[in-house]
Amino acid sequence: MPVPSSPLRKLGFLTIGLFDPDDPRAGHESTLEIIQLGERLGFDSAWVRHRHLQHGISSPVAVLAAATQRTSRIELGTAVIPLGWENPLRLAEDLATVDILSGGRLNPGVSVGPPMHYEQVKSALYPDTADAENFSYDRVTRLLTAVRGEPVTDFSGIEGFEVFSDRVQPHSPGLGRRLWYGGASLRSAQWAGENGMNFLTSSVVKAEESENFADIQLSHVRAFRAHHPDGDRARVSQGLVVIPTDSATAEQKAKYEAYAQKRTPRTATPQGPARMMFAADLVGTSEQIAEQLYAHAAFREIDEVAFALPFTFDHDDYVQILTDIAGHLGPALGWRPTPA
């Protein structure tokens, strides 16, 4: 367990990549610059969220393709791609291509379920098949089959001057071991383990057997590993929002505290019919946040994290937060940056 004598092994961060709809390039450039900064600071991984019909990254695969050409070491992930919007076979081609371009650094995270606001978007997304679409785990299985290089057609060979393959091309051999499932329930944690995936614990979980967020997240970690072939060695990455203030200005500290205070009420009890529990945002000095993390039941059983950057802050705020995570919080958790 990560205690002061057992260091955090991998440190990553997650960004939503917001942009102004009247100037979308600036926001995308900011995201790429933040990823580059993460590499310079020694982070092990950078992850991007996925947003449809919003002012956030709608095509993380394309953004990460650009990031592969601006970085050389840092791992690049998605947290997460909602497969309800995707054709798994086509997505497998895109993921494999970006993984090849990155030199084997891509970590695709996915989830399943109907697209958000499906009734309003289905006629545009699936005009002829909306009522027949399968949004179950079968969609992930199709992606796993394609990415792992299993046959996706019964045809291969030469036709005229063209050569055809029965598996997705390009094939990136290591990519299948770097697929993650983002889960918020015990069922998802168990399914991900049974199917040999890695597991992203969500900062939003279902209150099934408890109403204590840390205990719920811990139950997911344990269920996943109990059903994974690698057992306790199976990879789990924890997601929480942390905002260290070591080098923050007084104005930034006030902004951060107001942000967390506004979001705190939703962390007290399960929300909505699905009884969703939200993680509390951790704001304070790195020493204070480290103390809170060591008291967190789920954190004590993982050795890699992808701390989420808040949604609505400015570029300079993200620079300050990432710099403090790498320079203060990470070392307080026993992590050491990877040299550039």
C-alpha atoms as a PDB file:
ATOM      1  CA  MET A   1       0.000   0.000   0.000  1.00  0.00           C
ATOM      2  CA  PRO A   2       1.259   3.526  -0.727  1.00  0.00           C
ATOM      3  CA  VAL A   3       2.419   4.746   2.658  1.00  0.00           C
ATOM      4  CA  PRO A   4       5.288   7.200   3.162  1.00  0.00           C
ATOM      5  CA  SER A   5       7.778   4.322   2.829  1.00  0.00           C
ATOM      6  CA  SER A   6       6.071   2.908  -0.307  1.00  0.00           C
ATOM      7  CA  PRO A   7       6.293   5.464  -3.130  1.00  0.00           C
ATOM      8  CA  LEU A   8       3.708   6.360  -5.718  1.00  0.00           C
ATOM      9  CA  ARG A   9       4.961   4.718  -8.912  1.00  0.00           C
ATOM     10  CA  LYS A  10       3.174   6.613 -11.723  1.00  0.00           C
ATOM     11  CA  LEU A  11       1.836  10.152 -11.712  1.00  0.00           C
ATOM     12  CA  GLY A  12      -0.429  11.482 -14.456  1.00  0.00           C
ATOM     13  CA  PHE A  13      -2.945  14.258 -15.022  1.00  0.00           C
ATOM     14  CA  LEU A  14      -6.242  14.651 -16.861  1.00  0.00           C
ATOM     15  CA  THR A  15      -7.494  17.730 -18.710  1.00  0.00           C
ATOM     16  CA  ILE A  16     -10.818  18.500 -20.368  1.00  0.00           C
ATOM     17  CA  GLY A  17      -9.351  20.804 -23.021  1.00  0.00           C
ATOM     18  CA  LEU A  18     -11.937  23.571 -22.972  1.00  0.00           C
ATOM     19  CA  PHE A  19     -12.037  26.127 -25.783  1.00  0.00           C
ATOM     20  CA  ASP A  20     -13.863  29.291 -26.815  1.00  0.00           C
ATOM     21  CA  PRO A  21     -16.277  28.378 -29.649  1.00  0.00           C
ATOM     22  CA  ASP A  22     -15.332  31.631 -31.379  1.00  0.00           C
ATOM     23  CA  ASP A  23     -11.623  30.741 -31.230  1.00  0.00           C
ATOM     24  CA  PRO A  24     -11.321  26.949 -30.869  1.00  0.00           C
ATOM     25  CA  ARG A  25      -7.709  26.762 -32.003  1.00  0.00           C
ATOM     26  CA  ALA A  26      -6.426  28.655 -28.959  1.00  0.00           C
ATOM     27  CA  GLY A  27      -8.003  26.152 -26.572  1.00  0.00           C
ATOM     28  CA  HIS A  28      -6.620  23.166 -28.453  1.00  0.00           C
ATOM     29  CA  GLU A  29      -3.180  24.766 -28.523  1.00  0.00           C
ATOM     30  CA  SER A  30      -3.416  25.333 -24.772  1.00  0.00           C
ATOM     31  CA  THR A  31      -4.151  21.639 -24.266  1.00  0.00           C
ATOM     32  CA  LEU A  32      -1.139  20.621 -26.344  1.00  0.00           C
ATOM     33  CA  GLU A  33       1.085  23.073 -24.475  1.00  0.00           C
ATOM     34  CA  ILE A  34      -0.112  21.642 -21.150  1.00  0.00           C
ATOM     35  CA  ILE A  35       0.775  18.130 -22.331  1.00  0.00           C
ATOM     36  CA  GLN A  36       4.219  19.351 -23.379  1.00  0.00           C
ATOM     37  CA  LEU A  37       4.653  20.995 -19.982  1.00  0.00           C
ATOM     38  CA  GLY A  38       3.678  17.721 -18.315  1.00  0.00           C
ATOM     39  CA  GLU A  39       6.460  15.934 -20.155  1.00  0.00           C
ATOM     40  CA  ARG A  40       9.007  18.592 -19.169  1.00  0.00           C
ATOM     41  CA  LEU A  41       7.918  18.335 -15.527  1.00  0.00           C
ATOM     42  CA  GLY A  42       8.466  14.568 -15.561  1.00  0.00           C
ATOM     43  CA  PHE A  43       4.855  13.337 -15.430  1.00  0.00           C
ATOM     44  CA  ASP A  44       4.395   9.733 -16.511  1.00  0.00           C
ATOM     45  CA  SER A  45       1.129  10.287 -18.360  1.00  0.00           C
ATOM     46  CA  ALA A  46      -1.261  12.914 -19.724  1.00  0.00           C
ATOM     47  CA  TRP A  47      -4.929  12.114 -20.302  1.00  0.00           C
ATOM     48  CA  VAL A  48      -7.673  14.012 -22.128  1.00  0.00           C
ATOM     49  CA  ARG A  49     -11.389  13.877 -21.537  1.00  0.00           C
ATOM     50  CA  HIS A  50     -13.924  13.360 -24.321  1.00  0.00           C
ATOM     51  CA  ARG A  51     -16.883  15.699 -24.842  1.00  0.00           C
ATOM     52  CA  HIS A  52     -19.498  15.621 -27.604  1.00  0.00           C
ATOM     53  CA  LEU A  53     -21.494  18.700 -28.670  1.00  0.00           C
ATOM     54  CA  GLN A  54     -19.731  20.740 -25.981  1.00  0.00           C
ATOM     55  CA  HIS A  55     -16.811  23.160 -25.943  1.00  0.00           C
ATOM     56  CA  GLY A  56     -14.315  20.470 -24.973  1.00  0.00           C
ATOM     57  CA  ILE A  57     -12.271  17.896 -26.863  1.00  0.00           C
ATOM     58  CA  SER A  58     -14.620  16.048 -29.219  1.00  0.00           C
ATOM     59  CA  SER A  59     -11.833  14.137 -30.987  1.00  0.00           C
ATOM     60  CA  PRO A  60      -9.224  13.077 -28.421  1.00  0.00           C
ATOM     61  CA  VAL A  61      -7.608  10.672 -30.860  1.00  0.00           C
ATOM     62  CA  ALA A  62      -6.863  13.548 -33.235  1.00  0.00           C
ATOM     63  CA  VAL A  63      -5.577  15.746 -30.397  1.00  0.00           C
ATOM     64  CA  LEU A  64      -3.318  12.973 -29.132  1.00  0.00           C
ATOM     65  CA  ALA A  65      -2.062  12.356 -32.668  1.00  0.00           C
ATOM     66  CA  ALA A  66      -0.860  15.967 -32.605  1.00  0.00           C
ATOM     67  CA  ALA A  67       0.591  15.431 -29.119  1.00  0.00           C
ATOM     68  CA  THR A  68       2.662  12.474 -30.357  1.00  0.00           C
ATOM     69  CA  GLN A  69       4.541  14.869 -32.612  1.00  0.00           C
ATOM     70  CA  ARG A  70       5.229  17.382 -29.815  1.00  0.00           C
ATOM     71  CA  THR A  71       6.365  14.911 -27.150  1.00  0.00           C
ATOM     72  CA  SER A  72       8.721  11.954 -27.036  1.00  0.00           C
ATOM     73  CA  ARG A  73       8.288  10.186 -23.707  1.00  0.00           C
ATOM     74  CA  ILE A  74       5.066  10.908 -21.814  1.00  0.00           C
ATOM     75  CA  GLU A  75       2.250   8.340 -22.137  1.00  0.00           C
ATOM     76  CA  LEU A  76      -0.961   9.679 -23.708  1.00  0.00           C
ATOM     77  CA  GLY A  77      -4.409   8.514 -22.677  1.00  0.00           C
ATOM     78  CA  THR A  78      -8.147   9.063 -23.097  1.00  0.00           C
ATOM     79  CA  ALA A  79     -10.406   9.150 -20.054  1.00  0.00           C
ATOM     80  CA  VAL A  80     -12.668   8.129 -21.530  1.00  0.00           C
ATOM     81  CA  ILE A  81     -13.998   7.555 -25.029  1.00  0.00           C
ATOM     82  CA  PRO A  82     -17.746   6.745 -24.768  1.00  0.00           C
ATOM     83  CA  LEU A  83     -18.124   3.853 -27.197  1.00  0.00           C
ATOM     84  CA  GLY A  84     -21.792   4.591 -27.735  1.00  0.00           C
ATOM     85  CA  TRP A  85     -20.638   7.228 -30.222  1.00  0.00           C
ATOM     86  CA  GLU A  86     -18.135   4.979 -31.987  1.00  0.00           C
ATOM     87  CA  ASN A  87     -17.790   2.173 -34.494  1.00  0.00           C
ATOM     88  CA  PRO A  88     -15.326  -0.103 -32.645  1.00  0.00           C
ATOM     89  CA  LEU A  89     -13.654  -1.348 -35.834  1.00  0.00           C
ATOM     90  CA  ARG A  90     -12.966   2.157 -37.139  1.00  0.00           C
ATOM     91  CA  LEU A  91     -11.871   3.354 -33.720  1.00  0.00           C
ATOM     92  CA  ALA A  92      -9.404   0.453 -33.528  1.00  0.00           C
ATOM     93  CA  GLU A  93      -7.781   1.641 -36.766  1.00  0.00           C
ATOM     94  CA  ASP A  94      -7.423   5.181 -35.424  1.00  0.00           C
ATOM     95  CA  LEU A  95      -6.040   4.038 -32.068  1.00  0.00           C
ATOM     96  CA  ALA A  96      -3.507   1.718 -33.671  1.00  0.00           C
ATOM     97  CA  THR A  97      -2.362   4.463 -36.038  1.00  0.00           C
ATOM     98  CA  VAL A  98      -1.818   6.952 -33.206  1.00  0.00           C
ATOM     99  CA  ASP A  99      -0.065   4.313 -31.117  1.00  0.00           C
ATOM    100  CA  ILE A 100       2.346   3.656 -33.974  1.00  0.00           C
ATOM    101  CA  LEU A 101       2.968   7.398 -34.345  1.00  0.00           C
ATOM    102  CA  SER A 102       3.620   7.699 -30.609  1.00  0.00           C
ATOM    103  CA  GLY A 103       6.096   4.846 -30.476  1.00  0.00           C
ATOM    104  CA  GLY A 104       3.797   2.784 -28.254  1.00  0.00           C
ATOM    105  CA  ARG A 105       2.699   5.436 -25.752  1.00  0.00           C
ATOM    106  CA  LEU A 106      -1.093   5.420 -26.235  1.00  0.00           C
ATOM    107  CA  ASN A 107      -3.386   4.363 -23.364  1.00  0.00           C
ATOM    108  CA  PRO A 108      -6.977   4.394 -24.644  1.00  0.00           C
ATOM    109  CA  GLY A 109      -9.630   4.467 -21.956  1.00  0.00           C
ATOM    110  CA  VAL A 110     -13.213   3.641 -22.915  1.00  0.00           C
ATOM    111  CA  SER A 111     -16.670   3.185 -21.414  1.00  0.00           C
ATOM    112  CA  VAL A 112     -20.053   1.936 -22.581  1.00  0.00           C
ATOM    113  CA  GLY A 113     -23.697   2.899 -22.253  1.00  0.00           C
ATOM    114  CA  PRO A 114     -26.105   4.944 -24.376  1.00  0.00           C
ATOM    115  CA  PRO A 115     -24.817   8.359 -25.497  1.00  0.00           C
ATOM    116  CA  MET A 116     -25.766  11.243 -23.237  1.00  0.00           C
ATOM    117  CA  HIS A 117     -29.088  12.813 -24.291  1.00  0.00           C
ATOM    118  CA  TYR A 118     -29.586   9.894 -26.662  1.00  0.00           C
ATOM    119  CA  GLU A 119     -33.197  10.690 -27.486  1.00  0.00           C
ATOM    120  CA  GLN A 120     -32.141  14.115 -28.739  1.00  0.00           C
ATOM    121  CA  VAL A 121     -29.093  12.986 -30.711  1.00  0.00           C
ATOM    122  CA  LYS A 122     -29.954   9.512 -32.000  1.00  0.00           C
ATOM    123  CA  SER A 123     -31.510  10.684 -35.249  1.00  0.00           C
ATOM    124  CA  ALA A 124     -28.237  12.397 -36.177  1.00  0.00           C
ATOM    125  CA  LEU A 125     -25.926   9.712 -34.794  1.00  0.00           C
ATOM    126  CA  TYR A 126     -27.748   6.548 -35.890  1.00  0.00           C
ATOM    127  CA  PRO A 127     -30.554   7.656 -38.265  1.00  0.00           C
ATOM    128  CA  ASP A 128     -31.325   4.144 -39.514  1.00  0.00           C
ATOM    129  CA  THR A 129     -30.288   1.910 -36.602  1.00  0.00           C
ATOM    130  CA  ALA A 130     -30.957   3.910 -33.417  1.00  0.00           C
ATOM    131  CA  ASP A 131     -33.312   1.371 -31.877  1.00  0.00           C
ATOM    132  CA  ALA A 132     -31.116  -1.590 -32.804  1.00  0.00           C
ATOM    133  CA  GLU A 133     -27.776  -0.317 -31.464  1.00  0.00           C
ATOM    134  CA  ASN A 134     -26.149  -2.378 -28.706  1.00  0.00           C
ATOM    135  CA  PHE A 135     -24.551  -0.211 -26.019  1.00  0.00           C
ATOM    136  CA  SER A 136     -23.501  -3.068 -23.724  1.00  0.00           C
ATOM    137  CA  TYR A 137     -20.034  -4.424 -22.922  1.00  0.00           C
ATOM    138  CA  ASP A 138     -20.235  -6.241 -26.275  1.00  0.00           C
ATOM    139  CA  ARG A 139     -19.121  -2.969 -27.831  1.00  0.00           C
ATOM    140  CA  VAL A 140     -15.895  -3.094 -25.804  1.00  0.00           C
ATOM    141  CA  THR A 141     -15.402  -6.730 -26.744  1.00  0.00           C
ATOM    142  CA  ARG A 142     -15.534  -5.761 -30.419  1.00  0.00           C
ATOM    143  CA  LEU A 143     -12.887  -3.107 -29.824  1.00  0.00           C
ATOM    144  CA  LEU A 144     -10.678  -5.528 -27.882  1.00  0.00           C
ATOM    145  CA  THR A 145     -10.942  -8.094 -30.686  1.00  0.00           C
ATOM    146  CA  ALA A 146      -9.891  -5.544 -33.295  1.00  0.00           C
ATOM    147  CA  VAL A 147      -7.076  -3.916 -31.298  1.00  0.00           C
ATOM    148  CA  ARG A 148      -5.603  -7.222 -30.167  1.00  0.00           C
ATOM    149  CA  GLY A 149      -5.165  -8.353 -33.758  1.00  0.00           C
ATOM    150  CA  GLU A 150      -7.835 -11.019 -33.935  1.00  0.00           C
ATOM    151  CA  PRO A 151      -9.555 -11.556 -37.309  1.00  0.00           C
ATOM    152  CA  VAL A 152     -12.394  -9.146 -38.062  1.00  0.00           C
ATOM    153  CA  THR A 153     -13.252 -10.589 -41.484  1.00  0.00           C
ATOM    154  CA  ASP A 154     -13.077 -13.965 -43.218  1.00  0.00           C
ATOM    155  CA  PHE A 155     -11.350 -12.450 -46.242  1.00  0.00           C
ATOM    156  CA  SER A 156      -7.640 -11.861 -46.746  1.00  0.00           C
ATOM    157  CA  GLY A 157      -5.156 -12.232 -49.560  1.00  0.00           C
ATOM    158  CA  ILE A 158      -4.467 -10.645 -52.917  1.00  0.00           C
ATOM    159  CA  GLU A 159      -7.128  -9.242 -55.188  1.00  0.00           C
ATOM    160  CA  GLY A 160      -5.674  -7.847 -58.375  1.00  0.00           C
ATOM    161  CA  PHE A 161      -2.811  -5.625 -57.289  1.00  0.00           C
ATOM    162  CA  GLU A 162      -4.140  -5.024 -53.771  1.00  0.00           C
ATOM    163  CA  VAL A 163      -3.315  -6.963 -50.600  1.00  0.00           C
ATOM    164  CA  PHE A 164      -5.996  -7.359 -47.922  1.00  0.00           C
ATOM    165  CA  SER A 165      -5.615  -8.314 -44.253  1.00  0.00           C
ATOM    166  CA  ASP A 166      -8.103 -10.106 -42.035  1.00  0.00           C
ATOM    167  CA  ARG A 167      -7.094  -7.971 -39.043  1.00  0.00           C
ATOM    168  CA  VAL A 168      -6.972  -4.243 -38.354  1.00  0.00           C
ATOM    169  CA  GLN A 169      -4.042  -2.414 -39.934  1.00  0.00           C
ATOM    170  CA  PRO A 170      -1.746  -1.110 -38.759  1.00  0.00           C
ATOM    171  CA  HIS A 171      -1.449  -3.636 -35.958  1.00  0.00           C
ATOM    172  CA  SER A 172       0.303  -2.314 -32.852  1.00  0.00           C
ATOM    173  CA  PRO A 173       1.224  -5.389 -30.785  1.00  0.00           C
ATOM    174  CA  GLY A 174       1.421  -3.745 -27.353  1.00  0.00           C
ATOM    175  CA  LEU A 175      -1.720  -1.643 -27.616  1.00  0.00           C
ATOM    176  CA  GLY A 176      -4.041  -4.416 -26.464  1.00  0.00           C
ATOM    177  CA  ARG A 177      -2.289  -4.448 -23.078  1.00  0.00           C
ATOM    178  CA  ARG A 178      -2.755  -0.688 -22.699  1.00  0.00           C
ATOM    179  CA  LEU A 179      -6.539  -0.549 -23.033  1.00  0.00           C
ATOM    180  CA  TRP A 180      -8.374   0.835 -19.991  1.00  0.00           C
ATOM    181  CA  TYR A 181     -11.983   0.641 -18.888  1.00  0.00           C
ATOM    182  CA  GLY A 182     -13.421   3.611 -17.001  1.00  0.00           C
ATOM    183  CA  GLY A 183     -15.899   2.206 -14.536  1.00  0.00           C
ATOM    184  CA  ALA A 184     -18.228   3.563 -11.856  1.00  0.00           C
ATOM    185  CA  SER A 185     -19.807   0.321 -10.606  1.00  0.00           C
ATOM    186  CA  LEU A 186     -18.852  -3.044  -9.146  1.00  0.00           C
ATOM    187  CA  ARG A 187     -20.170  -4.756 -12.274  1.00  0.00           C
ATOM    188  CA  SER A 188     -17.880  -2.681 -14.510  1.00  0.00           C
ATOM    189  CA  ALA A 189     -14.876  -3.302 -12.266  1.00  0.00           C
ATOM    190  CA  GLN A 190     -15.484  -7.040 -12.361  1.00  0.00           C
ATOM    191  CA  TRP A 191     -16.076  -7.077 -16.136  1.00  0.00           C
ATOM    192  CA  ALA A 192     -12.866  -5.133 -16.811  1.00  0.00           C
ATOM    193  CA  GLY A 193     -10.910  -7.593 -14.700  1.00  0.00           C
ATOM    194  CA  GLU A 194     -12.426 -10.644 -16.346  1.00  0.00           C
ATOM    195  CA  ASN A 195     -11.524  -9.257 -19.765  1.00  0.00           C
ATOM    196  CA  GLY A 196      -7.911  -8.446 -18.904  1.00  0.00           C
ATOM    197  CA  MET A 197      -8.190  -4.677 -19.240  1.00  0.00           C
ATOM    198  CA  ASN A 198      -6.635  -1.993 -17.041  1.00  0.00           C
ATOM    199  CA  PHE A 199      -9.050  -0.063 -14.819  1.00  0.00           C
ATOM    200  CA  LEU A 200      -9.660   3.665 -14.384  1.00  0.00           C
ATOM    201  CA  THR A 201     -11.465   4.280 -11.112  1.00  0.00           C
ATOM    202  CA  SER A 202     -13.884   7.131 -11.594  1.00  0.00           C
ATOM    203  CA  SER A 203     -14.268  10.280  -9.513  1.00  0.00           C
ATOM    204  CA  VAL A 204     -18.003   9.606  -9.895  1.00  0.00           C
ATOM    205  CA  VAL A 205     -19.224   6.226  -8.612  1.00  0.00           C
ATOM    206  CA  LYS A 206     -22.488   4.434  -7.887  1.00  0.00           C
ATOM    207  CA  ALA A 207     -23.450   4.208  -4.225  1.00  0.00           C
ATOM    208  CA  GLU A 208     -24.167   0.499  -4.204  1.00  0.00           C
ATOM    209  CA  GLU A 209     -22.896  -1.052  -0.963  1.00  0.00           C
ATOM    210  CA  SER A 210     -21.900   2.192   0.793  1.00  0.00           C
ATOM    211  CA  GLU A 211     -22.366   5.962   0.784  1.00  0.00           C
ATOM    212  CA  ASN A 212     -18.719   6.632   1.581  1.00  0.00           C
ATOM    213  CA  PHE A 213     -16.882   7.558  -1.623  1.00  0.00           C
ATOM    214  CA  ALA A 214     -13.484   6.151  -0.618  1.00  0.00           C
ATOM    215  CA  ASP A 215     -15.003   2.855   0.487  1.00  0.00           C
ATOM    216  CA  ILE A 216     -16.932   2.545  -2.785  1.00  0.00           C
ATOM    217  CA  GLN A 217     -13.823   3.240  -4.855  1.00  0.00           C
ATOM    218  CA  LEU A 218     -11.876   0.728  -2.771  1.00  0.00           C
ATOM    219  CA  SER A 219     -14.499  -1.943  -3.423  1.00  0.00           C
ATOM    220  CA  HIS A 220     -14.088  -1.350  -7.170  1.00  0.00           C
ATOM    221  CA  VAL A 221     -10.304  -1.700  -6.975  1.00  0.00           C
ATOM    222  CA  ARG A 222     -10.589  -4.964  -5.081  1.00  0.00           C
ATOM    223  CA  ALA A 223     -13.341  -6.388  -7.298  1.00  0.00           C
ATOM    224  CA  PHE A 224     -11.324  -5.589 -10.411  1.00  0.00           C
ATOM    225  CA  ARG A 225      -8.160  -7.264  -9.141  1.00  0.00           C
ATOM    226  CA  ALA A 226     -10.056 -10.255  -7.768  1.00  0.00           C
ATOM    227  CA  HIS A 227     -11.282 -11.034 -11.296  1.00  0.00           C
ATOM    228  CA  HIS A 228      -8.149 -10.061 -13.276  1.00  0.00           C
ATOM    229  CA  PRO A 229      -5.634 -12.727 -14.372  1.00  0.00           C
ATOM    230  CA  ASP A 230      -2.822 -10.592 -12.897  1.00  0.00           C
ATOM    231  CA  GLY A 231      -4.494 -10.292  -9.500  1.00  0.00           C
ATOM    232  CA  ASP A 232      -2.887  -7.664  -7.271  1.00  0.00           C
ATOM    233  CA  ARG A 233      -0.493  -6.719 -10.105  1.00  0.00           C
ATOM    234  CA  ALA A 234      -3.361  -5.600 -12.361  1.00  0.00           C
ATOM    235  CA  ARG A 235      -3.086  -1.907 -13.206  1.00  0.00           C
ATOM    236  CA  VAL A 236      -5.502   0.523 -11.579  1.00  0.00           C
ATOM    237  CA  SER A 237      -5.298   4.303 -11.920  1.00  0.00           C
ATOM    238  CA  GLN A 238      -7.196   6.466  -9.458  1.00  0.00           C
ATOM    239  CA  GLY A 239      -9.001   9.617 -10.519  1.00  0.00           C
ATOM    240  CA  LEU A 240      -9.430  12.540  -8.101  1.00  0.00           C
ATOM    241  CA  VAL A 241      -9.391  16.332  -8.442  1.00  0.00           C
ATOM    242  CA  VAL A 242      -6.420  17.778  -6.539  1.00  0.00           C
ATOM    243  CA  ILE A 243      -5.504  21.470  -6.468  1.00  0.00           C
ATOM    244  CA  PRO A 244      -2.241  22.219  -4.655  1.00  0.00           C
ATOM    245  CA  THR A 245      -1.744  25.843  -3.686  1.00  0.00           C
ATOM    246  CA  ASP A 246       1.952  25.907  -2.762  1.00  0.00           C
ATOM    247  CA  SER A 247       2.891  28.544  -5.350  1.00  0.00           C
ATOM    248  CA  ALA A 248      -0.618  29.917  -6.027  1.00  0.00           C
ATOM    249  CA  THR A 249      -1.320  33.632  -5.728  1.00  0.00           C
ATOM    250  CA  ALA A 250      -3.905  34.891  -3.262  1.00  0.00           C
ATOM    251  CA  GLU A 251      -6.310  35.407  -6.169  1.00  0.00           C
ATOM    252  CA  GLN A 252      -5.790  31.846  -7.398  1.00  0.00           C
ATOM    253  CA  LYS A 253      -6.297  30.404  -3.908  1.00  0.00           C
ATOM    254  CA  ALA A 254      -9.598  32.273  -3.584  1.00  0.00           C
ATOM    255  CA  LYS A 255     -10.710  30.997  -6.996  1.00  0.00           C
ATOM    256  CA  TYR A 256      -9.780  27.400  -6.159  1.00  0.00           C
ATOM    257  CA  GLU A 257     -11.507  27.446  -2.786  1.00  0.00           C
ATOM    258  CA  ALA A 258     -14.666  28.935  -4.297  1.00  0.00           C
ATOM    259  CA  TYR A 259     -14.635  26.283  -7.021  1.00  0.00           C
ATOM    260  CA  ALA A 260     -14.394  23.451  -4.501  1.00  0.00           C
ATOM    261  CA  GLN A 261     -16.947  24.995  -2.156  1.00  0.00           C
ATOM    262  CA  LYS A 262     -19.497  25.261  -4.952  1.00  0.00           C
ATOM    263  CA  ARG A 263     -19.057  21.579  -5.800  1.00  0.00           C
ATOM    264  CA  THR A 264     -18.934  20.252  -2.235  1.00  0.00           C
ATOM    265  CA  PRO A 265     -22.697  19.799  -1.606  1.00  0.00           C
ATOM    266  CA  ARG A 266     -22.938  17.085  -4.258  1.00  0.00           C
ATOM    267  CA  THR A 267     -20.306  15.011  -2.422  1.00  0.00           C
ATOM    268  CA  ALA A 268     -22.348  14.572   0.751  1.00  0.00           C
ATOM    269  CA  THR A 269     -25.080  12.188  -0.435  1.00  0.00           C
ATOM    270  CA  PRO A 270     -25.933  10.071  -3.504  1.00  0.00           C
ATOM    271  CA  GLN A 271     -27.251  12.147  -6.390  1.00  0.00           C
ATOM    272  CA  GLY A 272     -30.172  11.339  -8.685  1.00  0.00           C
ATOM    273  CA  PRO A 273     -31.990   8.077  -9.475  1.00  0.00           C
ATOM    274  CA  ALA A 274     -28.670   6.320 -10.236  1.00  0.00           C
ATOM    275  CA  ARG A 275     -27.383   7.270  -6.741  1.00  0.00           C
ATOM    276  CA  MET A 276     -24.091   8.686  -7.988  1.00  0.00           C
ATOM    277  CA  MET A 277     -21.429   9.756  -5.494  1.00  0.00           C
ATOM    278  CA  PHE A 278     -18.921  12.477  -6.386  1.00  0.00           C
ATOM    279  CA  ALA A 279     -15.394  12.707  -5.013  1.00  0.00           C
ATOM    280  CA  ALA A 280     -14.542  15.765  -2.979  1.00  0.00           C
ATOM    281  CA  ASP A 281     -12.026  18.180  -4.525  1.00  0.00           C
ATOM    282  CA  LEU A 282      -8.793  18.346  -2.523  1.00  0.00           C
ATOM    283  CA  VAL A 283      -7.529  21.934  -2.190  1.00  0.00           C
ATOM    284  CA  GLY A 284      -4.598  23.041  -0.059  1.00  0.00           C
ATOM    285  CA  THR A 285      -0.865  22.772   0.263  1.00  0.00           C
ATOM    286  CA  SER A 286       0.780  19.643  -1.068  1.00  0.00           C
ATOM    287  CA  GLU A 287       1.480  18.564   2.496  1.00  0.00           C
ATOM    288  CA  GLN A 288      -2.209  18.872   3.380  1.00  0.00           C
ATOM    289  CA  ILE A 289      -3.341  17.021   0.248  1.00  0.00           C
ATOM    290  CA  ALA A 290      -0.807  14.227   0.787  1.00  0.00           C
ATOM    291  CA  GLU A 291      -2.159  13.729   4.310  1.00  0.00           C
ATOM    292  CA  GLN A 292      -5.705  13.486   2.932  1.00  0.00           C
ATOM    293  CA  LEU A 293      -4.631  10.996   0.272  1.00  0.00           C
ATOM    294  CA  TYR A 294      -2.858   8.744   2.756  1.00  0.00           C
ATOM    295  CA  ALA A 295      -6.116   8.692   4.732  1.00  0.00           C
ATOM    296  CA  HIS A 296      -8.071   7.702   1.585  1.00  0.00           C
ATOM    297  CA  ALA A 297      -8.926   3.982   1.631  1.00  0.00           C
ATOM    298  CA  ALA A 298      -8.685   3.526  -2.145  1.00  0.00           C
ATOM    299  CA  PHE A 299      -5.472   5.526  -2.545  1.00  0.00           C
ATOM    300  CA  ARG A 300      -3.739   3.247  -0.082  1.00  0.00           C
ATOM    301  CA  GLU A 301      -4.211   0.312  -2.488  1.00  0.00           C
ATOM    302  CA  ILE A 302      -3.026   1.844  -5.759  1.00  0.00           C
ATOM    303  CA  ASP A 303       0.357   2.976  -6.995  1.00  0.00           C
ATOM    304  CA  GLU A 304      -0.598   5.165  -9.963  1.00  0.00           C
ATOM    305  CA  VAL A 305      -2.910   8.143 -10.315  1.00  0.00           C
ATOM    306  CA  ALA A 306      -4.221  10.544 -12.944  1.00  0.00           C
ATOM    307  CA  PHE A 307      -5.166  13.669 -11.031  1.00  0.00           C
ATOM    308  CA  ALA A 308      -7.886  15.659 -12.803  1.00  0.00           C
ATOM    309  CA  LEU A 309      -7.465  19.340 -13.560  1.00  0.00           C
ATOM    310  CA  PRO A 310     -10.577  21.423 -12.775  1.00  0.00           C
ATOM    311  CA  PHE A 311     -12.852  22.161 -15.717  1.00  0.00           C
ATOM    312  CA  THR A 312     -13.019  25.933 -15.890  1.00  0.00           C
ATOM    313  CA  PHE A 313      -9.647  27.381 -14.938  1.00  0.00           C
ATOM    314  CA  ASP A 314      -7.245  29.455 -17.025  1.00  0.00           C
ATOM    315  CA  HIS A 315      -4.070  28.264 -18.719  1.00  0.00           C
ATOM    316  CA  ASP A 316      -1.845  29.943 -16.119  1.00  0.00           C
ATOM    317  CA  ASP A 317      -3.777  28.194 -13.344  1.00  0.00           C
ATOM    318  CA  TYR A 318      -3.098  24.807 -14.936  1.00  0.00           C
ATOM    319  CA  VAL A 319       0.586  25.641 -15.234  1.00  0.00           C
ATOM    320  CA  GLN A 320       0.733  26.494 -11.525  1.00  0.00           C
ATOM    321  CA  ILE A 321      -1.223  23.384 -10.476  1.00  0.00           C
ATOM    322  CA  LEU A 322       0.850  21.000 -12.601  1.00  0.00           C
ATOM    323  CA  THR A 323       4.099  22.599 -11.467  1.00  0.00           C
ATOM    324  CA  ASP A 324       3.108  22.166  -7.811  1.00  0.00           C
ATOM    325  CA  ILE A 325       1.927  18.578  -8.369  1.00  0.00           C
ATOM    326  CA  ALA A 326       5.247  17.653  -9.978  1.00  0.00           C
ATOM    327  CA  GLY A 327       7.439  19.700  -7.664  1.00  0.00           C
ATOM    328  CA  HIS A 328       5.680  19.293  -4.310  1.00  0.00           C
ATOM    329  CA  LEU A 329       2.736  16.880  -4.144  1.00  0.00           C
ATOM    330  CA  GLY A 330       4.315  14.067  -6.163  1.00  0.00           C
ATOM    331  CA  PRO A 331       7.502  14.031  -4.064  1.00  0.00           C
ATOM    332  CA  ALA A 332       5.378  14.166  -0.881  1.00  0.00           C
ATOM    333  CA  LEU A 333       3.820  10.903  -2.091  1.00  0.00           C
ATOM    334  CA  GLY A 334       7.223   9.355  -2.796  1.00  0.00           C
ATOM    335  CA  TRP A 335       7.061   9.877  -6.576  1.00  0.00           C
ATOM    336  CA  ARG A 336      10.057  10.983  -8.568  1.00  0.00           C
ATOM    337  CA  PRO A 337       9.821  12.742 -11.956  1.00  0.00           C
ATOM    338  CA  THR A 338      11.142  11.083 -15.095  1.00  0.00           C
ATOM    339  CA  PRO A 339      14.008  13.101 -16.593  1.00  0.00           C
ATOM    340  CA  ALA A 340      13.133  14.902 -19.829  1.00  0.00           C
END
